[in-house]
PDB file of N, CA and C in Angstrom:
ATOM      1  N   UNK A   1       0.781  -1.194  -0.073  1.00  0.00           N
ATOM      2  CA  UNK A   1       0.269  -0.285   0.149  1.00  0.00           C
ATOM      3  C   UNK A   1       1.017   1.349  -0.205  1.00  0.00           C
ATOM      4  N   UNK A   2       0.821   2.272  -0.580  1.00  0.00           N
ATOM      5  CA  UNK A   2       1.296   3.375  -0.851  1.00  0.00           C
ATOM      6  C   UNK A   2       0.968   4.872   0.562  1.00  0.00           C
ATOM      7  N   UNK A   3       1.498   5.004   0.425  1.00  0.00           N
ATOM      8  CA  UNK A   3       1.414   6.525   1.472  1.00  0.00           C
ATOM      9  C   UNK A   3       1.107   7.559   0.485  1.00  0.00           C
ATOM     10  N   UNK A   4       0.393   8.085   1.648  1.00  0.00           N
ATOM     11  CA  UNK A   4      -0.515   9.412   0.337  1.00  0.00           C
ATOM     12  C   UNK A   4       0.363  10.012   0.138  1.00  0.00           C
ATOM     13  N   UNK A   5       0.354  10.911  -0.754  1.00  0.00           N
ATOM     14  CA  UNK A   5       1.229  12.216  -1.526  1.00  0.00           C
ATOM     15  C   UNK A   5       0.944  13.309  -0.523  1.00  0.00           C
ATOM     16  N   UNK A   6       2.109  14.173  -0.634  1.00  0.00           N
ATOM     17  CA  UNK A   6       2.248  15.333  -0.041  1.00  0.00           C
ATOM     18  C   UNK A   6       1.567  16.716  -0.621  1.00  0.00           C
ATOM     19  N   UNK A   7       0.192  17.342  -0.538  1.00  0.00           N
ATOM     20  CA  UNK A   7      -0.040  18.486  -0.938  1.00  0.00           C
ATOM     21  C   UNK A   7       0.987  19.721  -1.024  1.00  0.00           C
ATOM     22  N   UNK A   8       0.797  20.661  -1.496  1.00  0.00           N
ATOM     23  CA  UNK A   8       1.480  22.014  -1.840  1.00  0.00           C
ATOM     24  C   UNK A   8       1.382  22.275  -0.418  1.00  0.00           C
ATOM     25  N   UNK A   9       0.501  22.089   0.845  1.00  0.00           N
ATOM     26  CA  UNK A   9       0.446  23.262   1.472  1.00  0.00           C
ATOM     27  C   UNK A   9       1.239  22.243   3.251  1.00  0.00           C
ATOM     28  N   UNK A  10       2.409  20.660   2.717  1.00  0.00           N
ATOM     29  CA  UNK A  10       2.424  19.849   3.513  1.00  0.00           C
ATOM     30  C   UNK A  10       1.577  19.200   4.675  1.00  0.00           C
ATOM     31  N   UNK A  11       0.295  19.277   3.912  1.00  0.00           N
ATOM     32  CA  UNK A  11      -0.626  18.314   4.675  1.00  0.00           C
ATOM     33  C   UNK A  11      -0.766  16.812   3.283  1.00  0.00           C
ATOM     34  N   UNK A  12      -1.217  15.762   4.338  1.00  0.00           N
ATOM     35  CA  UNK A  12      -1.609  14.615   3.493  1.00  0.00           C
ATOM     36  C   UNK A  12      -2.816  14.421   2.515  1.00  0.00           C
ATOM     37  N   UNK A  13      -2.430  14.220   1.052  1.00  0.00           N
ATOM     38  CA  UNK A  13      -3.769  13.980   0.558  1.00  0.00           C
ATOM     39  C   UNK A  13      -3.689  12.598   0.211  1.00  0.00           C
ATOM     40  N   UNK A  14      -4.832  12.101   0.390  1.00  0.00           N
ATOM     41  CA  UNK A  14      -4.942  10.954  -0.584  1.00  0.00           C
ATOM     42  C   UNK A  14      -6.060  11.420  -1.667  1.00  0.00           C
ATOM     43  N   UNK A  15      -5.971  12.001  -2.007  1.00  0.00           N
ATOM     44  CA  UNK A  15      -7.083  12.478  -3.295  1.00  0.00           C
ATOM     45  C   UNK A  15      -8.122  11.869  -3.485  1.00  0.00           C
ATOM     46  N   UNK A  16      -8.884  11.645  -4.497  1.00  0.00           N
ATOM     47  CA  UNK A  16     -10.283  11.029  -4.334  1.00  0.00           C
ATOM     48  C   UNK A  16     -10.209   9.400  -3.647  1.00  0.00           C
ATOM     49  N   UNK A  17      -9.545   8.722  -3.143  1.00  0.00           N
ATOM     50  CA  UNK A  17      -8.934   7.920  -2.496  1.00  0.00           C
ATOM     51  C   UNK A  17      -9.307   8.025  -0.773  1.00  0.00           C
ATOM     52  N   UNK A  18     -10.273   7.911  -0.230  1.00  0.00           N
ATOM     53  CA  UNK A  18     -11.050   8.187   1.187  1.00  0.00           C
ATOM     54  C   UNK A  18     -12.129   7.813   1.363  1.00  0.00           C
ATOM     55  N   UNK A  19     -12.744   7.705   2.462  1.00  0.00           N
ATOM     56  CA  UNK A  19     -14.037   7.420   2.893  1.00  0.00           C
ATOM     57  C   UNK A  19     -14.246   7.653   4.092  1.00  0.00           C
ATOM     58  N   UNK A  20     -15.573   7.853   5.169  1.00  0.00           N
ATOM     59  CA  UNK A  20     -15.593   8.154   6.205  1.00  0.00           C
ATOM     60  C   UNK A  20     -16.080   7.026   7.048  1.00  0.00           C
ATOM     61  N   UNK A  21     -15.270   6.764   8.317  1.00  0.00           N
ATOM     62  CA  UNK A  21     -15.495   5.643   9.092  1.00  0.00           C
ATOM     63  C   UNK A  21     -16.018   5.936  10.417  1.00  0.00           C
ATOM     64  N   UNK A  22     -17.667   5.625  10.666  1.00  0.00           N
ATOM     65  CA  UNK A  22     -18.110   5.688  11.740  1.00  0.00           C
ATOM     66  C   UNK A  22     -18.256   4.724  12.912  1.00  0.00           C
ATOM     67  N   UNK A  23     -17.505   4.549  13.523  1.00  0.00           N
ATOM     68  CA  UNK A  23     -17.574   3.902  14.726  1.00  0.00           C
ATOM     69  C   UNK A  23     -18.336   3.377  16.163  1.00  0.00           C
ATOM     70  N   UNK A  24     -19.165   2.589  16.050  1.00  0.00           N
ATOM     71  CA  UNK A  24     -20.063   2.084  17.204  1.00  0.00           C
ATOM     72  C   UNK A  24     -21.179   3.007  17.331  1.00  0.00           C
ATOM     73  N   UNK A  25     -21.650   3.369  16.518  1.00  0.00           N
ATOM     74  CA  UNK A  25     -22.982   4.382  17.089  1.00  0.00           C
ATOM     75  C   UNK A  25     -24.096   3.365  16.630  1.00  0.00           C
ATOM     76  N   UNK A  26     -23.903   2.769  17.950  1.00  0.00           N
ATOM     77  CA  UNK A  26     -24.965   1.820  17.946  1.00  0.00           C
ATOM     78  C   UNK A  26     -26.048   1.793  19.316  1.00  0.00           C
ATOM     79  N   UNK A  27     -27.162   1.503  19.065  1.00  0.00           N
ATOM     80  CA  UNK A  27     -28.270   1.851  19.960  1.00  0.00           C
ATOM     81  C   UNK A  27     -27.730   1.631  21.397  1.00  0.00           C
ATOM     82  N   UNK A  28     -27.254   0.596  21.940  1.00  0.00           N
ATOM     83  CA  UNK A  28     -26.736   0.293  23.436  1.00  0.00           C
ATOM     84  C   UNK A  28     -26.345   1.563  23.822  1.00  0.00           C
ATOM     85  N   UNK A  29     -25.389   2.047  23.100  1.00  0.00           N
ATOM     86  CA  UNK A  29     -24.197   3.080  23.649  1.00  0.00           C
ATOM     87  C   UNK A  29     -25.019   4.231  23.656  1.00  0.00           C
ATOM     88  N   UNK A  30     -25.810   4.835  22.438  1.00  0.00           N
ATOM     89  CA  UNK A  30     -26.106   5.931  22.303  1.00  0.00           C
ATOM     90  C   UNK A  30     -27.127   6.486  23.357  1.00  0.00           C
ATOM     91  N   UNK A  31     -28.427   5.220  23.544  1.00  0.00           N
ATOM     92  CA  UNK A  31     -29.857   4.967  24.175  1.00  0.00           C
ATOM     93  C   UNK A  31     -29.094   5.031  25.972  1.00  0.00           C
ATOM     94  N   UNK A  32     -27.946   5.120  25.949  1.00  0.00           N
ATOM     95  CA  UNK A  32     -27.118   4.827  27.432  1.00  0.00           C
ATOM     96  C   UNK A  32     -27.008   6.711  27.597  1.00  0.00           C
ATOM     97  N   UNK A  33     -26.641   7.230  26.785  1.00  0.00           N
ATOM     98  CA  UNK A  33     -26.405   9.067  27.343  1.00  0.00           C
ATOM     99  C   UNK A  33     -27.471   9.776  26.372  1.00  0.00           C
ATOM    100  N   UNK A  34     -28.119   9.365  25.812  1.00  0.00           N
ATOM    101  CA  UNK A  34     -28.695  10.183  24.886  1.00  0.00           C
ATOM    102  C   UNK A  34     -29.826  11.199  25.315  1.00  0.00           C
ATOM    103  N   UNK A  35     -30.160  10.939  26.673  1.00  0.00           N
ATOM    104  CA  UNK A  35     -30.837  11.916  27.648  1.00  0.00           C
ATOM    105  C   UNK A  35     -29.963  12.889  28.633  1.00  0.00           C
ATOM    106  N   UNK A  36     -29.153  12.540  28.655  1.00  0.00           N
ATOM    107  CA  UNK A  36     -27.869  13.530  28.778  1.00  0.00           C
ATOM    108  C   UNK A  36     -27.681  14.788  28.271  1.00  0.00           C
ATOM    109  N   UNK A  37     -26.758  15.941  29.071  1.00  0.00           N
ATOM    110  CA  UNK A  37     -26.485  16.833  28.381  1.00  0.00           C
ATOM    111  C   UNK A  37     -25.788  16.150  27.120  1.00  0.00           C
ATOM    112  N   UNK A  38     -24.469  15.687  28.046  1.00  0.00           N
ATOM    113  CA  UNK A  38     -23.835  15.394  27.139  1.00  0.00           C
ATOM    114  C   UNK A  38     -23.830  14.389  26.286  1.00  0.00           C
ATOM    115  N   UNK A  39     -24.629  13.403  26.058  1.00  0.00           N
ATOM    116  CA  UNK A  39     -25.511  12.962  25.120  1.00  0.00           C
ATOM    117  C   UNK A  39     -26.334  13.375  24.396  1.00  0.00           C
ATOM    118  N   UNK A  40     -27.151  14.381  24.562  1.00  0.00           N
ATOM    119  CA  UNK A  40     -27.708  15.457  23.680  1.00  0.00           C
ATOM    120  C   UNK A  40     -26.714  16.014  22.256  1.00  0.00           C
ATOM    121  N   UNK A  41     -25.128  16.310  23.077  1.00  0.00           N
ATOM    122  CA  UNK A  41     -24.403  17.339  22.578  1.00  0.00           C
ATOM    123  C   UNK A  41     -23.765  16.045  21.427  1.00  0.00           C
ATOM    124  N   UNK A  42     -23.381  15.120  21.751  1.00  0.00           N
ATOM    125  CA  UNK A  42     -23.213  14.051  21.006  1.00  0.00           C
ATOM    126  C   UNK A  42     -23.873  13.563  19.599  1.00  0.00           C
ATOM    127  N   UNK A  43     -25.160  13.534  19.670  1.00  0.00           N
ATOM    128  CA  UNK A  43     -25.939  13.354  18.786  1.00  0.00           C
ATOM    129  C   UNK A  43     -26.315  14.863  18.092  1.00  0.00           C
ATOM    130  N   UNK A  44     -26.181  16.024  18.462  1.00  0.00           N
ATOM    131  CA  UNK A  44     -26.099  17.402  17.653  1.00  0.00           C
ATOM    132  C   UNK A  44     -24.505  17.360  16.706  1.00  0.00           C
ATOM    133  N   UNK A  45     -23.520  16.448  17.488  1.00  0.00           N
ATOM    134  CA  UNK A  45     -22.140  16.750  16.983  1.00  0.00           C
ATOM    135  C   UNK A  45     -22.195  15.618  15.761  1.00  0.00           C
ATOM    136  N   UNK A  46     -22.774  14.052  15.768  1.00  0.00           N
ATOM    137  CA  UNK A  46     -22.929  13.514  14.727  1.00  0.00           C
ATOM    138  C   UNK A  46     -23.714  14.532  14.056  1.00  0.00           C
ATOM    139  N   UNK A  47     -25.192  15.115  13.647  1.00  0.00           N
ATOM    140  CA  UNK A  47     -25.718  15.754  12.258  1.00  0.00           C
ATOM    141  C   UNK A  47     -24.448  16.480  12.141  1.00  0.00           C
ATOM    142  N   UNK A  48     -23.953  17.214  12.968  1.00  0.00           N
ATOM    143  CA  UNK A  48     -23.580  18.470  12.079  1.00  0.00           C
ATOM    144  C   UNK A  48     -21.788  17.392  11.413  1.00  0.00           C
ATOM    145  N   UNK A  49     -21.555  16.242  11.952  1.00  0.00           N
ATOM    146  CA  UNK A  49     -20.549  15.568  10.795  1.00  0.00           C
ATOM    147  C   UNK A  49     -20.980  15.242  10.062  1.00  0.00           C
ATOM    148  N   UNK A  50     -22.078  14.521   9.913  1.00  0.00           N
ATOM    149  CA  UNK A  50     -22.862  14.040   8.442  1.00  0.00           C
ATOM    150  C   UNK A  50     -23.249  15.317   7.703  1.00  0.00           C
ATOM    151  N   UNK A  51     -23.363  16.587   8.400  1.00  0.00           N
ATOM    152  CA  UNK A  51     -23.888  17.660   7.139  1.00  0.00           C
ATOM    153  C   UNK A  51     -22.216  18.156   6.550  1.00  0.00           C
ATOM    154  N   UNK A  52     -21.056  17.879   7.603  1.00  0.00           N
ATOM    155  CA  UNK A  52     -19.881  18.274   7.249  1.00  0.00           C
ATOM    156  C   UNK A  52     -19.495  17.162   5.560  1.00  0.00           C
ATOM    157  N   UNK A  53     -19.844  16.287   6.154  1.00  0.00           N
ATOM    158  CA  UNK A  53     -19.265  14.999   5.085  1.00  0.00           C
ATOM    159  C   UNK A  53     -19.962  14.854   4.139  1.00  0.00           C
ATOM    160  N   UNK A  54     -21.299  15.329   3.847  1.00  0.00           N
ATOM    161  CA  UNK A  54     -22.168  15.309   2.537  1.00  0.00           C
ATOM    162  C   UNK A  54     -21.977  16.264   2.318  1.00  0.00           C
ATOM    163  N   UNK A  55     -21.455  17.709   2.577  1.00  0.00           N
ATOM    164  CA  UNK A  55     -21.367  18.905   1.691  1.00  0.00           C
ATOM    165  C   UNK A  55     -19.856  18.430   0.635  1.00  0.00           C
ATOM    166  N   UNK A  56     -18.982  17.375   0.805  1.00  0.00           N
ATOM    167  CA  UNK A  56     -17.621  17.639  -0.110  1.00  0.00           C
ATOM    168  C   UNK A  56     -18.198  16.400  -1.223  1.00  0.00           C
ATOM    169  N   UNK A  57     -17.887  17.226  -2.093  1.00  0.00           N
ATOM    170  CA  UNK A  57     -18.220  16.761  -3.264  1.00  0.00           C
ATOM    171  C   UNK A  57     -17.424  15.829  -4.054  1.00  0.00           C
ATOM    172  N   UNK A  58     -16.671  14.650  -4.744  1.00  0.00           N
ATOM    173  CA  UNK A  58     -18.317  13.959  -4.681  1.00  0.00           C
ATOM    174  C   UNK A  58     -18.457  12.998  -3.424  1.00  0.00           C
ATOM    175  N   UNK A  59     -19.458  12.909  -3.350  1.00  0.00           N
ATOM    176  CA  UNK A  59     -20.060  12.227  -2.419  1.00  0.00           C
ATOM    177  C   UNK A  59     -19.263  11.077  -1.688  1.00  0.00           C
ATOM    178  N   UNK A  60     -18.487  10.998  -0.104  1.00  0.00           N
ATOM    179  CA  UNK A  60     -17.365  10.333   0.124  1.00  0.00           C
ATOM    180  C   UNK A  60     -18.261   8.669   0.691  1.00  0.00           C
ATOM    181  N   UNK A  61     -17.552   7.687   0.641  1.00  0.00           N
ATOM    182  CA  UNK A  61     -17.850   6.623   1.118  1.00  0.00           C
ATOM    183  C   UNK A  61     -18.295   6.792   2.218  1.00  0.00           C
ATOM    184  N   UNK A  62     -18.637   6.350   2.810  1.00  0.00           N
ATOM    185  CA  UNK A  62     -19.562   5.910   4.358  1.00  0.00           C
ATOM    186  C   UNK A  62     -19.684   4.466   4.972  1.00  0.00           C
ATOM    187  N   UNK A  63     -18.948   4.613   5.866  1.00  0.00           N
ATOM    188  CA  UNK A  63     -18.700   2.946   6.344  1.00  0.00           C
ATOM    189  C   UNK A  63     -19.253   3.360   7.838  1.00  0.00           C
ATOM    190  N   UNK A  64     -19.806   2.132   8.580  1.00  0.00           N
ATOM    191  CA  UNK A  64     -20.742   2.310   9.855  1.00  0.00           C
ATOM    192  C   UNK A  64     -20.007   1.073  10.565  1.00  0.00           C
ATOM    193  N   UNK A  65     -19.326   1.132  11.748  1.00  0.00           N
ATOM    194  CA  UNK A  65     -18.677  -0.249  12.278  1.00  0.00           C
ATOM    195  C   UNK A  65     -19.822  -0.728  13.541  1.00  0.00           C
ATOM    196  N   UNK A  66     -20.371  -2.031  13.655  1.00  0.00           N
ATOM    197  CA  UNK A  66     -21.003  -2.311  15.478  1.00  0.00           C
ATOM    198  C   UNK A  66     -19.964  -2.932  16.185  1.00  0.00           C
ATOM    199  N   UNK A  67     -20.099  -3.257  16.934  1.00  0.00           N
ATOM    200  CA  UNK A  67     -19.856  -4.001  17.906  1.00  0.00           C
ATOM    201  C   UNK A  67     -20.542  -5.098  18.200  1.00  0.00           C
ATOM    202  N   UNK A  68     -20.227  -6.571  17.808  1.00  0.00           N
ATOM    203  CA  UNK A  68     -21.294  -7.065  18.492  1.00  0.00           C
ATOM    204  C   UNK A  68     -20.582  -8.860  19.010  1.00  0.00           C
ATOM    205  N   UNK A  69     -20.934  -9.886  19.414  1.00  0.00           N
ATOM    206  CA  UNK A  69     -20.571 -10.881  19.601  1.00  0.00           C
ATOM    207  C   UNK A  69     -21.392 -11.617  19.175  1.00  0.00           C
ATOM    208  N   UNK A  70     -20.787 -13.269  18.941  1.00  0.00           N
ATOM    209  CA  UNK A  70     -21.494 -14.475  19.345  1.00  0.00           C
ATOM    210  C   UNK A  70     -22.130 -14.224  20.232  1.00  0.00           C
ATOM    211  N   UNK A  71     -23.514 -15.214  20.098  1.00  0.00           N
ATOM    212  CA  UNK A  71     -24.470 -15.037  22.008  1.00  0.00           C
ATOM    213  C   UNK A  71     -23.968 -15.627  22.919  1.00  0.00           C
ATOM    214  N   UNK A  72     -22.519 -16.840  22.726  1.00  0.00           N
ATOM    215  CA  UNK A  72     -22.102 -17.346  23.582  1.00  0.00           C
ATOM    216  C   UNK A  72     -20.700 -16.544  24.463  1.00  0.00           C
ATOM    217  N   UNK A  73     -20.460 -15.712  23.555  1.00  0.00           N
ATOM    218  CA  UNK A  73     -18.921 -14.240  23.977  1.00  0.00           C
ATOM    219  C   UNK A  73     -18.246 -15.277  24.032  1.00  0.00           C
ATOM    220  N   UNK A  74     -17.849 -16.119  23.291  1.00  0.00           N
ATOM    221  CA  UNK A  74     -16.383 -16.792  23.035  1.00  0.00           C
ATOM    222  C   UNK A  74     -15.340 -15.440  22.757  1.00  0.00           C
ATOM    223  N   UNK A  75     -15.487 -13.888  22.618  1.00  0.00           N
ATOM    224  CA  UNK A  75     -14.429 -13.459  21.702  1.00  0.00           C
ATOM    225  C   UNK A  75     -14.409 -12.233  23.379  1.00  0.00           C
ATOM    226  N   UNK A  76     -15.151 -12.500  24.513  1.00  0.00           N
ATOM    227  CA  UNK A  76     -14.762 -11.784  25.323  1.00  0.00           C
ATOM    228  C   UNK A  76     -14.756 -12.522  27.038  1.00  0.00           C
ATOM    229  N   UNK A  77     -13.277 -12.358  27.122  1.00  0.00           N
ATOM    230  CA  UNK A  77     -12.443 -13.103  28.138  1.00  0.00           C
ATOM    231  C   UNK A  77     -13.137 -12.908  29.526  1.00  0.00           C
ATOM    232  N   UNK A  78     -13.212 -13.284  30.561  1.00  0.00           N
ATOM    233  CA  UNK A  78     -14.219 -13.358  31.455  1.00  0.00           C
ATOM    234  C   UNK A  78     -13.118 -12.397  32.429  1.00  0.00           C
ATOM    235  N   UNK A  79     -13.660 -11.495  33.295  1.00  0.00           N
ATOM    236  CA  UNK A  79     -12.900 -11.160  34.220  1.00  0.00           C
ATOM    237  C   UNK A  79     -11.953  -9.949  33.797  1.00  0.00           C
ATOM    238  N   UNK A  80     -12.115  -9.497  32.547  1.00  0.00           N
ATOM    239  CA  UNK A  80     -11.336  -8.713  31.985  1.00  0.00           C
ATOM    240  C   UNK A  80     -10.858  -7.196  32.027  1.00  0.00           C
ATOM    241  N   UNK A  81     -10.601  -5.857  32.179  1.00  0.00           N
ATOM    242  CA  UNK A  81     -10.843  -4.864  31.933  1.00  0.00           C
ATOM    243  C   UNK A  81     -12.101  -4.648  30.793  1.00  0.00           C
ATOM    244  N   UNK A  82     -12.136  -5.172  29.461  1.00  0.00           N
ATOM    245  CA  UNK A  82     -13.077  -5.014  28.823  1.00  0.00           C
ATOM    246  C   UNK A  82     -14.048  -5.530  29.127  1.00  0.00           C
ATOM    247  N   UNK A  83     -14.370  -6.879  29.520  1.00  0.00           N
ATOM    248  CA  UNK A  83     -15.381  -7.221  29.906  1.00  0.00           C
ATOM    249  C   UNK A  83     -16.227  -6.746  31.031  1.00  0.00           C
ATOM    250  N   UNK A  84     -15.795  -6.286  31.985  1.00  0.00           N
ATOM    251  CA  UNK A  84     -16.191  -5.187  33.098  1.00  0.00           C
ATOM    252  C   UNK A  84     -16.812  -4.264  32.491  1.00  0.00           C
ATOM    253  N   UNK A  85     -16.304  -3.463  31.830  1.00  0.00           N
ATOM    254  CA  UNK A  85     -16.560  -2.542  31.042  1.00  0.00           C
ATOM    255  C   UNK A  85     -17.890  -2.276  30.405  1.00  0.00           C
ATOM    256  N   UNK A  86     -18.396  -3.644  29.415  1.00  0.00           N
ATOM    257  CA  UNK A  86     -19.223  -3.669  28.888  1.00  0.00           C
ATOM    258  C   UNK A  86     -20.269  -4.277  29.326  1.00  0.00           C
ATOM    259  N   UNK A  87     -20.255  -4.778  30.919  1.00  0.00           N
ATOM    260  CA  UNK A  87     -21.232  -6.037  30.808  1.00  0.00           C
ATOM    261  C   UNK A  87     -22.568  -4.527  31.784  1.00  0.00           C
ATOM    262  N   UNK A  88     -22.291  -3.449  31.829  1.00  0.00           N
ATOM    263  CA  UNK A  88     -23.624  -3.059  32.428  1.00  0.00           C
ATOM    264  C   UNK A  88     -24.271  -2.956  31.424  1.00  0.00           C
ATOM    265  N   UNK A  89     -23.974  -2.766  29.897  1.00  0.00           N
ATOM    266  CA  UNK A  89     -24.599  -2.610  28.535  1.00  0.00           C
ATOM    267  C   UNK A  89     -25.205  -3.625  28.314  1.00  0.00           C
ATOM    268  N   UNK A  90     -25.355  -5.118  28.488  1.00  0.00           N
ATOM    269  CA  UNK A  90     -25.808  -6.336  27.738  1.00  0.00           C
ATOM    270  C   UNK A  90     -25.055  -7.222  27.176  1.00  0.00           C
ATOM    271  N   UNK A  91     -25.140  -8.034  26.506  1.00  0.00           N
ATOM    272  CA  UNK A  91     -24.596  -9.029  25.534  1.00  0.00           C
ATOM    273  C   UNK A  91     -23.996  -8.787  24.399  1.00  0.00           C
ATOM    274  N   UNK A  92     -24.053  -7.487  24.360  1.00  0.00           N
ATOM    275  CA  UNK A  92     -23.834  -7.306  22.066  1.00  0.00           C
ATOM    276  C   UNK A  92     -23.744  -8.017  21.477  1.00  0.00           C
ATOM    277  N   UNK A  93     -25.317  -9.093  21.897  1.00  0.00           N
ATOM    278  CA  UNK A  93     -25.308 -10.239  21.479  1.00  0.00           C
ATOM    279  C   UNK A  93     -25.700  -9.739  19.413  1.00  0.00           C
ATOM    280  N   UNK A  94     -24.989 -10.720  18.649  1.00  0.00           N
ATOM    281  CA  UNK A  94     -25.067 -10.393  16.818  1.00  0.00           C
ATOM    282  C   UNK A  94     -26.280 -10.348  16.981  1.00  0.00           C
ATOM    283  N   UNK A  95     -27.013  -9.440  15.966  1.00  0.00           N
ATOM    284  CA  UNK A  95     -28.367  -9.104  15.318  1.00  0.00           C
ATOM    285  C   UNK A  95     -29.269  -9.100  16.210  1.00  0.00           C
ATOM    286  N   UNK A  96     -28.924  -8.615  17.565  1.00  0.00           N
ATOM    287  CA  UNK A  96     -29.630  -8.024  18.460  1.00  0.00           C
ATOM    288  C   UNK A  96     -30.259  -6.454  18.504  1.00  0.00           C
ATOM    289  N   UNK A  97     -31.339  -5.976  18.712  1.00  0.00           N
ATOM    290  CA  UNK A  97     -31.488  -4.277  18.466  1.00  0.00           C
ATOM    291  C   UNK A  97     -30.821  -3.563  18.934  1.00  0.00           C
ATOM    292  N   UNK A  98     -29.619  -3.850  20.213  1.00  0.00           N
ATOM    293  CA  UNK A  98     -28.804  -3.070  20.733  1.00  0.00           C
ATOM    294  C   UNK A  98     -27.625  -2.712  20.062  1.00  0.00           C
ATOM    295  N   UNK A  99     -27.481  -3.599  19.103  1.00  0.00           N
ATOM    296  CA  UNK A  99     -25.897  -3.410  18.330  1.00  0.00           C
ATOM    297  C   UNK A  99     -26.378  -3.170  16.825  1.00  0.00           C
ATOM    298  N   UNK A 100     -27.652  -2.422  16.741  1.00  0.00           N
ATOM    299  CA  UNK A 100     -28.002  -1.948  14.963  1.00  0.00           C
ATOM    300  C   UNK A 100     -27.674  -0.351  15.524  1.00  0.00           C
ATOM    301  N   UNK A 101     -27.010   0.231  14.563  1.00  0.00           N
ATOM    302  CA  UNK A 101     -26.733   1.225  13.888  1.00  0.00           C
ATOM    303  C   UNK A 101     -27.606   2.278  14.674  1.00  0.00           C
ATOM    304  N   UNK A 102     -27.856   3.040  15.171  1.00  0.00           N
ATOM    305  CA  UNK A 102     -28.425   4.230  15.938  1.00  0.00           C
ATOM    306  C   UNK A 102     -29.300   5.368  15.186  1.00  0.00           C
ATOM    307  N   UNK A 103     -30.790   5.151  15.029  1.00  0.00           N
ATOM    308  CA  UNK A 103     -30.583   6.008  13.702  1.00  0.00           C
ATOM    309  C   UNK A 103     -30.548   7.238  14.484  1.00  0.00           C
ATOM    310  N   UNK A 104     -30.629   7.671  15.981  1.00  0.00           N
ATOM    311  CA  UNK A 104     -30.027   9.595  16.128  1.00  0.00           C
ATOM    312  C   UNK A 104     -28.756   9.734  15.794  1.00  0.00           C
ATOM    313  N   UNK A 105     -27.936   8.788  15.359  1.00  0.00           N
ATOM    314  CA  UNK A 105     -26.310   9.104  14.952  1.00  0.00           C
ATOM    315  C   UNK A 105     -26.407   8.940  13.485  1.00  0.00           C
ATOM    316  N   UNK A 106     -27.221   8.866  12.673  1.00  0.00           N
ATOM    317  CA  UNK A 106     -27.270   9.091  11.106  1.00  0.00           C
ATOM    318  C   UNK A 106     -28.736   9.494  10.825  1.00  0.00           C
ATOM    319  N   UNK A 107     -29.168  10.535  11.603  1.00  0.00           N
ATOM    320  CA  UNK A 107     -30.475  11.246  10.875  1.00  0.00           C
ATOM    321  C   UNK A 107     -30.472  11.983   9.394  1.00  0.00           C
ATOM    322  N   UNK A 108     -29.224  12.378   9.026  1.00  0.00           N
ATOM    323  CA  UNK A 108     -29.430  13.015   7.803  1.00  0.00           C
ATOM    324  C   UNK A 108     -28.706  12.081   6.774  1.00  0.00           C
ATOM    325  N   UNK A 109     -28.730  10.928   6.829  1.00  0.00           N
ATOM    326  CA  UNK A 109     -28.163  10.161   5.750  1.00  0.00           C
ATOM    327  C   UNK A 109     -29.580   9.562   4.727  1.00  0.00           C
TER     328      UNK A 109
END
């Protein structure tokens, strides 16, 4: 894979070869904060981000990721920092409503 070219103002330039990656905007995480001041600011920032991304011609490839596990969670080791962090949010089971991309984070798509 080649490195990005340098533009005349010394910033990296990817030309037309780039995409937007939106990480883990899933219902269980948005739902946990959406009624707080910070959560409302987050949702507002998502809307502003979506507006900015879509004003750039040509329209960029937009990718959303989601965090989910098999029902028996073999990917999560018991009693690890990560397991303790996600435990209050549920199981993050593949296909469950909790791990779907949250509509509040994609209002303008």
